[in-house]
Amino acid sequence: MTKSPDMGKTILANGNLKFTALTCGFETNPAGQVVFCLHGFPDNANSFRLQLPALADAGYRVIAPTLRGYEPSSQPPDNDYSFVALARDVVAWIDDLGEDKVHLVGHDWGAGIAYVAGALAPERFHSLTTIAVPHAARFADGIRKVPGQLAKSWYMMFFQLRGIAETFIERNDWSLIRKLWKDWSPGYNLSEETWADLRTTFAAPGVKTAMLGYYRHNASPRVLMGWKKTEASSLTTVPVRTLAITGADDGCIDTRLYDYVFLEEDFPSGFRVERIEQAGHFTHLEKPEEINRLLLDWLKSPDD
């Protein structure tokens, strides 16, 4: 894994919930703008190991938190893994750092959280960058345009089976998880070092159920098809300039969704979609140099 002399760890809080976070650039760039990087599933904060040093070298202070539920200290008593609860974690972290505004980068669930956080509290963000998941509040519209996405979302349906999914997901050394990584990013080689780190995260008490809770709160069949409205599904307007990155070979989220779910009226501060060729779902790991260039270009703004 890529290391930097200024890599560290800290603890963020939202009330009684505590979140371990990786940091980079906090010592060398004390006045630098803060960039939050949010991981997704099935992953952990080390997902951004190739981005943290590059952003820190450019003068930013970068922090990659472990999302709600991915460690025992951040598992809420009410098991609330809704998009709005996850977005409120982000705002609490910004307050915890004593910052007014930050840049927000998210992959997979982290991308979905970024849209919702940007809609709920746009004044707290300089910019958003999302990877691999299009506008969360328009996902049902995208499925109607690209019905083949339902086949790719089979695992979301399976995860609704309480008890059965919990038992099956860790069978044969979490073989389902390894299958998802392979299917979603066919050209990416998941190293044994990375796999060992991920398994440690998944095996911690309560994490398996928490990961599935994201899907049960936010991706049930009724929610996916738009038949059940949630607080997050009404948050269509995201008044923060947004860069959306999709891998052309994504086996999880059909890249064609991006052609239908981004509306100019939803992004009054502007948006841009970048499609990365020969990359799948974990685009930031597959094409780190290209993604880092896009990130650094997007983070710059004459208004900030």
C-alpha atoms as a PDB file:
ATOM      1  CA  MET A   1       0.000   0.000   0.000  1.00  0.00           C
ATOM      2  CA  THR A   2       1.181   3.520  -0.784  1.00  0.00           C
ATOM      3  CA  LYS A   3       2.548   5.275   2.278  1.00  0.00           C
ATOM      4  CA  SER A   4       3.345   8.889   3.036  1.00  0.00           C
ATOM      5  CA  PRO A   5       5.487  10.341   5.843  1.00  0.00           C
ATOM      6  CA  ASP A   6       2.462  12.396   6.855  1.00  0.00           C
ATOM      7  CA  MET A   7      -0.043   9.532   7.030  1.00  0.00           C
ATOM      8  CA  GLY A   8      -1.842   9.237  10.337  1.00  0.00           C
ATOM      9  CA  LYS A   9      -5.068   8.331  12.086  1.00  0.00           C
ATOM     10  CA  THR A  10      -7.638  10.231  14.082  1.00  0.00           C
ATOM     11  CA  ILE A  11     -11.052   9.696  15.641  1.00  0.00           C
ATOM     12  CA  LEU A  12     -14.138  11.594  14.475  1.00  0.00           C
ATOM     13  CA  ALA A  13     -17.413  11.742  16.376  1.00  0.00           C
ATOM     14  CA  ASN A  14     -21.113  12.179  15.856  1.00  0.00           C
ATOM     15  CA  GLY A  15     -22.613  12.157  19.330  1.00  0.00           C
ATOM     16  CA  ASN A  16     -21.681   8.849  20.942  1.00  0.00           C
ATOM     17  CA  LEU A  17     -20.596   7.272  17.676  1.00  0.00           C
ATOM     18  CA  LYS A  18     -16.845   7.167  17.034  1.00  0.00           C
ATOM     19  CA  PHE A  19     -15.239   6.783  13.610  1.00  0.00           C
ATOM     20  CA  THR A  20     -11.622   5.865  12.895  1.00  0.00           C
ATOM     21  CA  ALA A  21     -10.192   7.919  10.021  1.00  0.00           C
ATOM     22  CA  LEU A  22      -6.977   7.950   8.008  1.00  0.00           C
ATOM     23  CA  THR A  23      -5.343  11.337   7.557  1.00  0.00           C
ATOM     24  CA  CYS A  24      -2.680  12.779   5.280  1.00  0.00           C
ATOM     25  CA  GLY A  25      -1.250  16.273   4.978  1.00  0.00           C
ATOM     26  CA  PHE A  26      -2.475  17.581   8.335  1.00  0.00           C
ATOM     27  CA  GLU A  27       1.062  18.227   9.554  1.00  0.00           C
ATOM     28  CA  THR A  28       2.573  19.505   6.313  1.00  0.00           C
ATOM     29  CA  ASN A  29      -0.430  21.568   5.165  1.00  0.00           C
ATOM     30  CA  PRO A  30      -1.876  23.140   8.331  1.00  0.00           C
ATOM     31  CA  ALA A  31      -3.741  25.816   6.343  1.00  0.00           C
ATOM     32  CA  GLY A  32      -4.795  23.568   3.460  1.00  0.00           C
ATOM     33  CA  GLN A  33      -8.407  22.961   2.525  1.00  0.00           C
ATOM     34  CA  VAL A  34      -9.843  19.688   3.834  1.00  0.00           C
ATOM     35  CA  VAL A  35     -10.895  16.854   1.531  1.00  0.00           C
ATOM     36  CA  PHE A  36     -13.070  14.058   2.925  1.00  0.00           C
ATOM     37  CA  CYS A  37     -12.932  10.709   1.087  1.00  0.00           C
ATOM     38  CA  LEU A  38     -15.792   8.279   1.741  1.00  0.00           C
ATOM     39  CA  HIS A  39     -15.468   4.589   0.903  1.00  0.00           C
ATOM     40  CA  GLY A  40     -18.224   2.226  -0.172  1.00  0.00           C
ATOM     41  CA  PHE A  41     -19.059  -1.484  -0.150  1.00  0.00           C
ATOM     42  CA  PRO A  42     -17.442  -3.940   0.115  1.00  0.00           C
ATOM     43  CA  ASP A  43     -14.518  -1.800   1.174  1.00  0.00           C
ATOM     44  CA  ASN A  44     -12.951   0.302   3.923  1.00  0.00           C
ATOM     45  CA  ALA A  45     -11.119   3.598   4.373  1.00  0.00           C
ATOM     46  CA  ASN A  46      -7.932   2.184   2.806  1.00  0.00           C
ATOM     47  CA  SER A  47      -9.773   2.377  -0.515  1.00  0.00           C
ATOM     48  CA  PHE A  48      -8.314   5.875  -0.941  1.00  0.00           C
ATOM     49  CA  ARG A  49      -4.717   4.906  -0.190  1.00  0.00           C
ATOM     50  CA  LEU A  50      -3.682   5.994  -3.711  1.00  0.00           C
ATOM     51  CA  GLN A  51      -5.450   9.344  -3.463  1.00  0.00           C
ATOM     52  CA  LEU A  52      -4.486  10.567   0.024  1.00  0.00           C
ATOM     53  CA  PRO A  53      -0.759  11.178  -0.665  1.00  0.00           C
ATOM     54  CA  ALA A  54      -1.408  12.765  -4.072  1.00  0.00           C
ATOM     55  CA  LEU A  55      -3.934  15.212  -2.621  1.00  0.00           C
ATOM     56  CA  ALA A  56      -1.686  15.977   0.339  1.00  0.00           C
ATOM     57  CA  ASP A  57       1.247  16.618  -1.979  1.00  0.00           C
ATOM     58  CA  ALA A  58      -0.944  19.204  -3.716  1.00  0.00           C
ATOM     59  CA  GLY A  59      -1.466  21.081  -0.449  1.00  0.00           C
ATOM     60  CA  TYR A  60      -4.703  19.592   0.880  1.00  0.00           C
ATOM     61  CA  ARG A  61      -5.466  18.034   4.233  1.00  0.00           C
ATOM     62  CA  VAL A  62      -7.121  14.724   3.432  1.00  0.00           C
ATOM     63  CA  ILE A  63      -9.182  12.486   5.692  1.00  0.00           C
ATOM     64  CA  ALA A  64     -10.773   9.109   4.928  1.00  0.00           C
ATOM     65  CA  PRO A  65     -13.244   8.055   7.623  1.00  0.00           C
ATOM     66  CA  THR A  66     -14.523   4.566   8.259  1.00  0.00           C
ATOM     67  CA  LEU A  67     -18.234   4.763   7.501  1.00  0.00           C
ATOM     68  CA  ARG A  68     -21.027   4.198  10.020  1.00  0.00           C
ATOM     69  CA  GLY A  69     -21.247   0.580  11.098  1.00  0.00           C
ATOM     70  CA  TYR A  70     -17.943  -0.571   9.628  1.00  0.00           C
ATOM     71  CA  GLU A  71     -16.466  -0.801  13.131  1.00  0.00           C
ATOM     72  CA  PRO A  72     -18.192  -1.529  16.459  1.00  0.00           C
ATOM     73  CA  SER A  73     -17.702   2.012  17.798  1.00  0.00           C
ATOM     74  CA  SER A  74     -19.870   3.517  15.040  1.00  0.00           C
ATOM     75  CA  GLN A  75     -22.804   1.091  15.110  1.00  0.00           C
ATOM     76  CA  PRO A  76     -25.897   3.041  16.218  1.00  0.00           C
ATOM     77  CA  PRO A  77     -28.285   1.475  18.770  1.00  0.00           C
ATOM     78  CA  ASP A  78     -31.228   2.138  16.427  1.00  0.00           C
ATOM     79  CA  ASN A  79     -29.452   0.511  13.432  1.00  0.00           C
ATOM     80  CA  ASP A  80     -30.147   3.610  11.326  1.00  0.00           C
ATOM     81  CA  TYR A  81     -28.175   3.305   8.090  1.00  0.00           C
ATOM     82  CA  SER A  82     -30.389   5.583   6.037  1.00  0.00           C
ATOM     83  CA  PHE A  83     -28.820   8.001   3.584  1.00  0.00           C
ATOM     84  CA  VAL A  84     -29.860  10.978   5.697  1.00  0.00           C
ATOM     85  CA  ALA A  85     -28.269   9.549   8.857  1.00  0.00           C
ATOM     86  CA  LEU A  86     -25.066   8.833   6.930  1.00  0.00           C
ATOM     87  CA  ALA A  87     -25.038  12.349   5.480  1.00  0.00           C
ATOM     88  CA  ARG A  88     -25.488  13.834   8.937  1.00  0.00           C
ATOM     89  CA  ASP A  89     -22.404  11.924  10.037  1.00  0.00           C
ATOM     90  CA  VAL A  90     -20.439  13.887   7.435  1.00  0.00           C
ATOM     91  CA  VAL A  91     -21.717  17.240   8.691  1.00  0.00           C
ATOM     92  CA  ALA A  92     -20.884  16.210  12.266  1.00  0.00           C
ATOM     93  CA  TRP A  93     -17.350  15.293  11.197  1.00  0.00           C
ATOM     94  CA  ILE A  94     -16.870  18.701   9.601  1.00  0.00           C
ATOM     95  CA  ASP A  95     -17.989  20.313  12.852  1.00  0.00           C
ATOM     96  CA  ASP A  96     -15.701  17.995  14.805  1.00  0.00           C
ATOM     97  CA  LEU A  97     -12.727  19.241  12.780  1.00  0.00           C
ATOM     98  CA  GLY A  98     -13.796  22.848  13.312  1.00  0.00           C
ATOM     99  CA  GLU A  99     -14.118  23.501   9.580  1.00  0.00           C
ATOM    100  CA  ASP A 100     -16.726  25.611   7.800  1.00  0.00           C
ATOM    101  CA  LYS A 101     -16.437  24.006   4.358  1.00  0.00           C
ATOM    102  CA  VAL A 102     -14.700  20.961   2.882  1.00  0.00           C
ATOM    103  CA  HIS A 103     -14.406  19.101  -0.397  1.00  0.00           C
ATOM    104  CA  LEU A 104     -16.222  15.764  -0.441  1.00  0.00           C
ATOM    105  CA  VAL A 105     -15.176  12.726  -2.482  1.00  0.00           C
ATOM    106  CA  GLY A 106     -17.165   9.500  -2.381  1.00  0.00           C
ATOM    107  CA  HIS A 107     -17.040   6.065  -3.975  1.00  0.00           C
ATOM    108  CA  ASP A 108     -20.023   3.684  -4.185  1.00  0.00           C
ATOM    109  CA  TRP A 109     -22.069   4.255  -0.984  1.00  0.00           C
ATOM    110  CA  GLY A 110     -19.734   7.164  -0.295  1.00  0.00           C
ATOM    111  CA  ALA A 111     -20.898   8.694  -3.588  1.00  0.00           C
ATOM    112  CA  GLY A 112     -24.553   8.279  -2.637  1.00  0.00           C
ATOM    113  CA  ILE A 113     -23.858   9.894   0.714  1.00  0.00           C
ATOM    114  CA  ALA A 114     -22.099  12.792  -1.031  1.00  0.00           C
ATOM    115  CA  TYR A 115     -25.178  13.676  -3.111  1.00  0.00           C
ATOM    116  CA  VAL A 116     -27.412  13.601  -0.035  1.00  0.00           C
ATOM    117  CA  ALA A 117     -24.977  15.590   2.110  1.00  0.00           C
ATOM    118  CA  GLY A 118     -24.630  18.174  -0.664  1.00  0.00           C
ATOM    119  CA  ALA A 119     -28.410  18.492  -0.861  1.00  0.00           C
ATOM    120  CA  LEU A 120     -28.895  18.725   2.905  1.00  0.00           C
ATOM    121  CA  ALA A 121     -26.075  21.138   3.720  1.00  0.00           C
ATOM    122  CA  PRO A 122     -24.662  22.691   0.527  1.00  0.00           C
ATOM    123  CA  GLU A 123     -23.097  25.551   2.463  1.00  0.00           C
ATOM    124  CA  ARG A 124     -20.617  23.091   4.017  1.00  0.00           C
ATOM    125  CA  PHE A 125     -18.988  21.975   0.753  1.00  0.00           C
ATOM    126  CA  HIS A 126     -16.617  23.563  -1.753  1.00  0.00           C
ATOM    127  CA  SER A 127     -17.164  20.700  -4.199  1.00  0.00           C
ATOM    128  CA  LEU A 128     -18.384  17.141  -4.602  1.00  0.00           C
ATOM    129  CA  THR A 129     -16.704  14.333  -6.521  1.00  0.00           C
ATOM    130  CA  THR A 130     -18.550  11.043  -6.879  1.00  0.00           C
ATOM    131  CA  ILE A 131     -17.199   7.767  -8.237  1.00  0.00           C
ATOM    132  CA  ALA A 132     -19.225   4.829  -9.603  1.00  0.00           C
ATOM    133  CA  VAL A 133     -22.722   5.850  -8.438  1.00  0.00           C
ATOM    134  CA  PRO A 134     -24.907   8.429 -10.257  1.00  0.00           C
ATOM    135  CA  HIS A 135     -27.318  10.868  -8.622  1.00  0.00           C
ATOM    136  CA  ALA A 136     -28.891   8.825  -5.833  1.00  0.00           C
ATOM    137  CA  ALA A 137     -32.286  10.555  -5.875  1.00  0.00           C
ATOM    138  CA  ARG A 138     -32.669   9.821  -9.607  1.00  0.00           C
ATOM    139  CA  PHE A 139     -31.573   6.168  -9.502  1.00  0.00           C
ATOM    140  CA  ALA A 140     -35.118   4.847 -10.028  1.00  0.00           C
ATOM    141  CA  ASP A 141     -35.437   7.034 -13.131  1.00  0.00           C
ATOM    142  CA  GLY A 142     -32.204   5.561 -14.425  1.00  0.00           C
ATOM    143  CA  ILE A 143     -33.419   1.988 -13.955  1.00  0.00           C
ATOM    144  CA  ARG A 144     -36.504   2.740 -16.014  1.00  0.00           C
ATOM    145  CA  LYS A 145     -34.215   3.951 -18.832  1.00  0.00           C
ATOM    146  CA  VAL A 146     -31.685   1.113 -18.404  1.00  0.00           C
ATOM    147  CA  PRO A 147     -33.693  -1.884 -17.124  1.00  0.00           C
ATOM    148  CA  GLY A 148     -30.658  -4.122 -17.470  1.00  0.00           C
ATOM    149  CA  GLN A 149     -29.402  -2.482 -14.266  1.00  0.00           C
ATOM    150  CA  LEU A 150     -31.854  -4.684 -12.346  1.00  0.00           C
ATOM    151  CA  ALA A 151     -29.845  -7.771 -13.297  1.00  0.00           C
ATOM    152  CA  LYS A 152     -26.660  -6.119 -12.074  1.00  0.00           C
ATOM    153  CA  SER A 153     -28.440  -5.221  -8.820  1.00  0.00           C
ATOM    154  CA  TRP A 154     -29.301  -8.858  -7.983  1.00  0.00           C
ATOM    155  CA  TYR A 155     -27.151  -8.761  -4.860  1.00  0.00           C
ATOM    156  CA  MET A 156     -29.187  -5.822  -3.501  1.00  0.00           C
ATOM    157  CA  MET A 157     -32.274  -8.047  -3.631  1.00  0.00           C
ATOM    158  CA  PHE A 158     -30.435 -10.949  -2.011  1.00  0.00           C
ATOM    159  CA  PHE A 159     -29.246  -8.723   0.823  1.00  0.00           C
ATOM    160  CA  GLN A 160     -32.886  -8.087   1.800  1.00  0.00           C
ATOM    161  CA  LEU A 161     -33.142 -11.691   3.066  1.00  0.00           C
ATOM    162  CA  ARG A 162     -32.516 -11.218   6.768  1.00  0.00           C
ATOM    163  CA  GLY A 163     -30.556 -14.025   8.344  1.00  0.00           C
ATOM    164  CA  ILE A 164     -29.982 -15.856   5.065  1.00  0.00           C
ATOM    165  CA  ALA A 165     -27.774 -13.098   3.646  1.00  0.00           C
ATOM    166  CA  GLU A 166     -25.886 -12.780   6.937  1.00  0.00           C
ATOM    167  CA  THR A 167     -25.094 -16.500   6.867  1.00  0.00           C
ATOM    168  CA  PHE A 168     -24.203 -16.715   3.194  1.00  0.00           C
ATOM    169  CA  ILE A 169     -22.082 -13.590   2.845  1.00  0.00           C
ATOM    170  CA  GLU A 170     -19.144 -14.930   4.875  1.00  0.00           C
ATOM    171  CA  ARG A 171     -19.238 -18.536   3.637  1.00  0.00           C
ATOM    172  CA  ASN A 172     -16.077 -19.950   2.050  1.00  0.00           C
ATOM    173  CA  ASP A 173     -13.879 -17.106   3.243  1.00  0.00           C
ATOM    174  CA  TRP A 174     -16.271 -14.374   2.070  1.00  0.00           C
ATOM    175  CA  SER A 175     -16.239 -15.795  -1.461  1.00  0.00           C
ATOM    176  CA  LEU A 176     -19.318 -13.754  -2.444  1.00  0.00           C
ATOM    177  CA  ILE A 177     -17.432 -10.552  -1.658  1.00  0.00           C
ATOM    178  CA  ARG A 178     -14.494 -11.631  -3.786  1.00  0.00           C
ATOM    179  CA  LYS A 179     -16.919 -12.469  -6.607  1.00  0.00           C
ATOM    180  CA  LEU A 180     -18.417  -8.975  -6.419  1.00  0.00           C
ATOM    181  CA  TRP A 181     -14.991  -7.350  -6.664  1.00  0.00           C
ATOM    182  CA  LYS A 182     -14.162  -9.507  -9.707  1.00  0.00           C
ATOM    183  CA  ASP A 183     -17.513  -8.948 -11.411  1.00  0.00           C
ATOM    184  CA  TRP A 184     -17.556  -5.238 -10.770  1.00  0.00           C
ATOM    185  CA  SER A 185     -13.957  -4.547 -11.857  1.00  0.00           C
ATOM    186  CA  PRO A 186     -12.984  -7.423 -14.176  1.00  0.00           C
ATOM    187  CA  GLY A 187      -9.614  -5.917 -15.010  1.00  0.00           C
ATOM    188  CA  TYR A 188      -8.517  -5.263 -11.437  1.00  0.00           C
ATOM    189  CA  ASN A 189      -6.339  -7.639  -9.437  1.00  0.00           C
ATOM    190  CA  LEU A 190      -7.306  -7.569  -5.770  1.00  0.00           C
ATOM    191  CA  SER A 191      -4.033  -8.196  -3.937  1.00  0.00           C
ATOM    192  CA  GLU A 192      -3.814 -10.623  -1.036  1.00  0.00           C
ATOM    193  CA  GLU A 193      -2.632  -7.775   1.206  1.00  0.00           C
ATOM    194  CA  THR A 194      -5.726  -5.734   0.379  1.00  0.00           C
ATOM    195  CA  TRP A 195      -7.992  -8.769   0.734  1.00  0.00           C
ATOM    196  CA  ALA A 196      -6.597  -9.561   4.183  1.00  0.00           C
ATOM    197  CA  ASP A 197      -7.240  -5.970   5.266  1.00  0.00           C
ATOM    198  CA  LEU A 198     -10.822  -6.091   3.963  1.00  0.00           C
ATOM    199  CA  ARG A 199     -11.566  -9.408   5.671  1.00  0.00           C
ATOM    200  CA  THR A 200     -10.420  -7.951   8.976  1.00  0.00           C
ATOM    201  CA  THR A 201     -12.917  -5.111   8.540  1.00  0.00           C
ATOM    202  CA  PHE A 202     -15.822  -7.380   7.568  1.00  0.00           C
ATOM    203  CA  ALA A 203     -15.193  -9.875  10.380  1.00  0.00           C
ATOM    204  CA  ALA A 204     -15.348  -7.306  13.201  1.00  0.00           C
ATOM    205  CA  PRO A 205     -18.413  -7.623  15.473  1.00  0.00           C
ATOM    206  CA  GLY A 206     -21.583  -6.235  13.932  1.00  0.00           C
ATOM    207  CA  VAL A 207     -20.017  -5.109  10.656  1.00  0.00           C
ATOM    208  CA  LYS A 208     -21.621  -7.782   8.481  1.00  0.00           C
ATOM    209  CA  THR A 209     -25.120  -6.783   9.567  1.00  0.00           C
ATOM    210  CA  ALA A 210     -24.289  -3.078   9.287  1.00  0.00           C
ATOM    211  CA  MET A 211     -23.088  -3.451   5.683  1.00  0.00           C
ATOM    212  CA  LEU A 212     -26.329  -5.219   4.761  1.00  0.00           C
ATOM    213  CA  GLY A 213     -28.281  -2.542   6.634  1.00  0.00           C
ATOM    214  CA  TYR A 214     -27.243   0.034   4.028  1.00  0.00           C
ATOM    215  CA  TYR A 215     -29.125  -1.970   1.392  1.00  0.00           C
ATOM    216  CA  ARG A 216     -32.127  -2.658   3.593  1.00  0.00           C
ATOM    217  CA  HIS A 217     -32.603   1.015   4.378  1.00  0.00           C
ATOM    218  CA  ASN A 218     -31.827   2.503   0.978  1.00  0.00           C
ATOM    219  CA  ALA A 219     -32.014  -0.146  -1.763  1.00  0.00           C
ATOM    220  CA  SER A 220     -35.051  -2.340  -1.190  1.00  0.00           C
ATOM    221  CA  PRO A 221     -36.966  -3.297  -4.364  1.00  0.00           C
ATOM    222  CA  ARG A 222     -39.663  -0.700  -3.635  1.00  0.00           C
ATOM    223  CA  VAL A 223     -37.093   2.057  -3.123  1.00  0.00           C
ATOM    224  CA  LEU A 224     -35.061   1.093  -6.197  1.00  0.00           C
ATOM    225  CA  MET A 225     -38.133   1.160  -8.408  1.00  0.00           C
ATOM    226  CA  GLY A 226     -39.333   4.455  -6.947  1.00  0.00           C
ATOM    227  CA  TRP A 227     -42.503   2.941  -5.451  1.00  0.00           C
ATOM    228  CA  LYS A 228     -41.492   3.850  -1.888  1.00  0.00           C
ATOM    229  CA  LYS A 229     -40.410   7.407  -1.172  1.00  0.00           C
ATOM    230  CA  THR A 230     -37.750   8.115   1.418  1.00  0.00           C
ATOM    231  CA  GLU A 231     -36.409  11.359   2.823  1.00  0.00           C
ATOM    232  CA  ALA A 232     -33.362  11.008   0.586  1.00  0.00           C
ATOM    233  CA  SER A 233     -35.362  10.337  -2.585  1.00  0.00           C
ATOM    234  CA  SER A 234     -36.849  13.823  -2.369  1.00  0.00           C
ATOM    235  CA  LEU A 235     -33.406  15.461  -2.262  1.00  0.00           C
ATOM    236  CA  THR A 236     -33.044  15.931  -6.002  1.00  0.00           C
ATOM    237  CA  THR A 237     -31.407  19.377  -5.912  1.00  0.00           C
ATOM    238  CA  VAL A 238     -27.689  19.386  -5.120  1.00  0.00           C
ATOM    239  CA  PRO A 239     -26.470  23.027  -5.077  1.00  0.00           C
ATOM    240  CA  VAL A 240     -22.756  22.103  -5.038  1.00  0.00           C
ATOM    241  CA  ARG A 241     -20.579  21.827  -8.140  1.00  0.00           C
ATOM    242  CA  THR A 242     -20.265  18.109  -8.805  1.00  0.00           C
ATOM    243  CA  LEU A 243     -17.857  15.915 -10.744  1.00  0.00           C
ATOM    244  CA  ALA A 244     -19.292  12.438 -11.446  1.00  0.00           C
ATOM    245  CA  ILE A 245     -16.869   9.709 -12.518  1.00  0.00           C
ATOM    246  CA  THR A 246     -17.959   6.397 -14.040  1.00  0.00           C
ATOM    247  CA  GLY A 247     -15.970   3.435 -15.313  1.00  0.00           C
ATOM    248  CA  ALA A 248     -16.990   2.384 -18.820  1.00  0.00           C
ATOM    249  CA  ASP A 249     -16.683  -1.295 -17.823  1.00  0.00           C
ATOM    250  CA  ASP A 250     -18.443  -1.056 -14.451  1.00  0.00           C
ATOM    251  CA  GLY A 251     -20.084  -4.405 -13.705  1.00  0.00           C
ATOM    252  CA  CYS A 252     -22.042  -3.043 -10.749  1.00  0.00           C
ATOM    253  CA  ILE A 253     -23.573   0.231 -11.935  1.00  0.00           C
ATOM    254  CA  ASP A 254     -24.262   0.389 -15.662  1.00  0.00           C
ATOM    255  CA  THR A 255     -22.358   3.384 -17.005  1.00  0.00           C
ATOM    256  CA  ARG A 256     -25.325   4.200 -19.285  1.00  0.00           C
ATOM    257  CA  LEU A 257     -27.282   5.385 -16.230  1.00  0.00           C
ATOM    258  CA  TYR A 258     -25.120   8.492 -16.263  1.00  0.00           C
ATOM    259  CA  ASP A 259     -26.711   9.505 -19.551  1.00  0.00           C
ATOM    260  CA  TYR A 260     -30.142   9.813 -17.952  1.00  0.00           C
ATOM    261  CA  VAL A 261     -29.937  10.800 -14.274  1.00  0.00           C
ATOM    262  CA  PHE A 262     -28.021  14.098 -14.398  1.00  0.00           C
ATOM    263  CA  LEU A 263     -30.338  17.032 -15.016  1.00  0.00           C
ATOM    264  CA  GLU A 264     -29.119  20.619 -15.173  1.00  0.00           C
ATOM    265  CA  GLU A 265     -31.910  21.769 -12.845  1.00  0.00           C
ATOM    266  CA  ASP A 266     -30.698  19.325 -10.157  1.00  0.00           C
ATOM    267  CA  PHE A 267     -27.194  20.834 -10.132  1.00  0.00           C
ATOM    268  CA  PRO A 268     -27.557  24.633 -10.219  1.00  0.00           C
ATOM    269  CA  SER A 269     -23.848  25.098  -9.433  1.00  0.00           C
ATOM    270  CA  GLY A 270     -22.869  22.890 -12.341  1.00  0.00           C
ATOM    271  CA  PHE A 271     -21.826  19.289 -12.922  1.00  0.00           C
ATOM    272  CA  ARG A 272     -19.534  17.290 -15.153  1.00  0.00           C
ATOM    273  CA  VAL A 273     -19.547  13.587 -16.018  1.00  0.00           C
ATOM    274  CA  GLU A 274     -16.282  11.817 -16.826  1.00  0.00           C
ATOM    275  CA  ARG A 275     -16.368   8.288 -18.274  1.00  0.00           C
ATOM    276  CA  ILE A 276     -13.121   6.386 -17.742  1.00  0.00           C
ATOM    277  CA  GLU A 277     -12.330   3.836 -20.435  1.00  0.00           C
ATOM    278  CA  GLN A 278     -10.985   0.389 -19.534  1.00  0.00           C
ATOM    279  CA  ALA A 279     -12.039   0.805 -15.900  1.00  0.00           C
ATOM    280  CA  GLY A 280     -14.718  -0.799 -13.783  1.00  0.00           C
ATOM    281  CA  HIS A 281     -16.416  -0.015 -10.489  1.00  0.00           C
ATOM    282  CA  PHE A 282     -13.262   0.613  -8.440  1.00  0.00           C
ATOM    283  CA  THR A 283     -12.052   3.224 -10.918  1.00  0.00           C
ATOM    284  CA  HIS A 284      -9.922   5.118  -8.381  1.00  0.00           C
ATOM    285  CA  LEU A 285      -7.889   1.945  -7.726  1.00  0.00           C
ATOM    286  CA  GLU A 286      -7.718   0.847 -11.350  1.00  0.00           C
ATOM    287  CA  LYS A 287      -6.735   4.228 -12.832  1.00  0.00           C
ATOM    288  CA  PRO A 288      -5.299   6.181  -9.888  1.00  0.00           C
ATOM    289  CA  GLU A 289      -3.169   8.605 -11.873  1.00  0.00           C
ATOM    290  CA  GLU A 290      -6.044   9.573 -14.167  1.00  0.00           C
ATOM    291  CA  ILE A 291      -8.468   9.907 -11.259  1.00  0.00           C
ATOM    292  CA  ASN A 292      -6.012  11.943  -9.229  1.00  0.00           C
ATOM    293  CA  ARG A 293      -5.529  14.360 -12.117  1.00  0.00           C
ATOM    294  CA  LEU A 294      -9.295  14.765 -12.449  1.00  0.00           C
ATOM    295  CA  LEU A 295      -9.652  15.291  -8.710  1.00  0.00           C
ATOM    296  CA  LEU A 296      -6.931  17.917  -8.478  1.00  0.00           C
ATOM    297  CA  ASP A 297      -8.348  19.794 -11.437  1.00  0.00           C
ATOM    298  CA  TRP A 298     -11.875  19.743  -9.980  1.00  0.00           C
ATOM    299  CA  LEU A 299     -10.876  20.792  -6.469  1.00  0.00           C
ATOM    300  CA  LYS A 300      -9.424  24.037  -7.785  1.00  0.00           C
ATOM    301  CA  SER A 301     -11.883  26.880  -7.984  1.00  0.00           C
ATOM    302  CA  PRO A 302     -11.428  30.666  -8.212  1.00  0.00           C
ATOM    303  CA  ASP A 303     -14.388  30.983  -5.835  1.00  0.00           C
ATOM    304  CA  ASP A 304     -12.642  29.152  -3.014  1.00  0.00           C
END
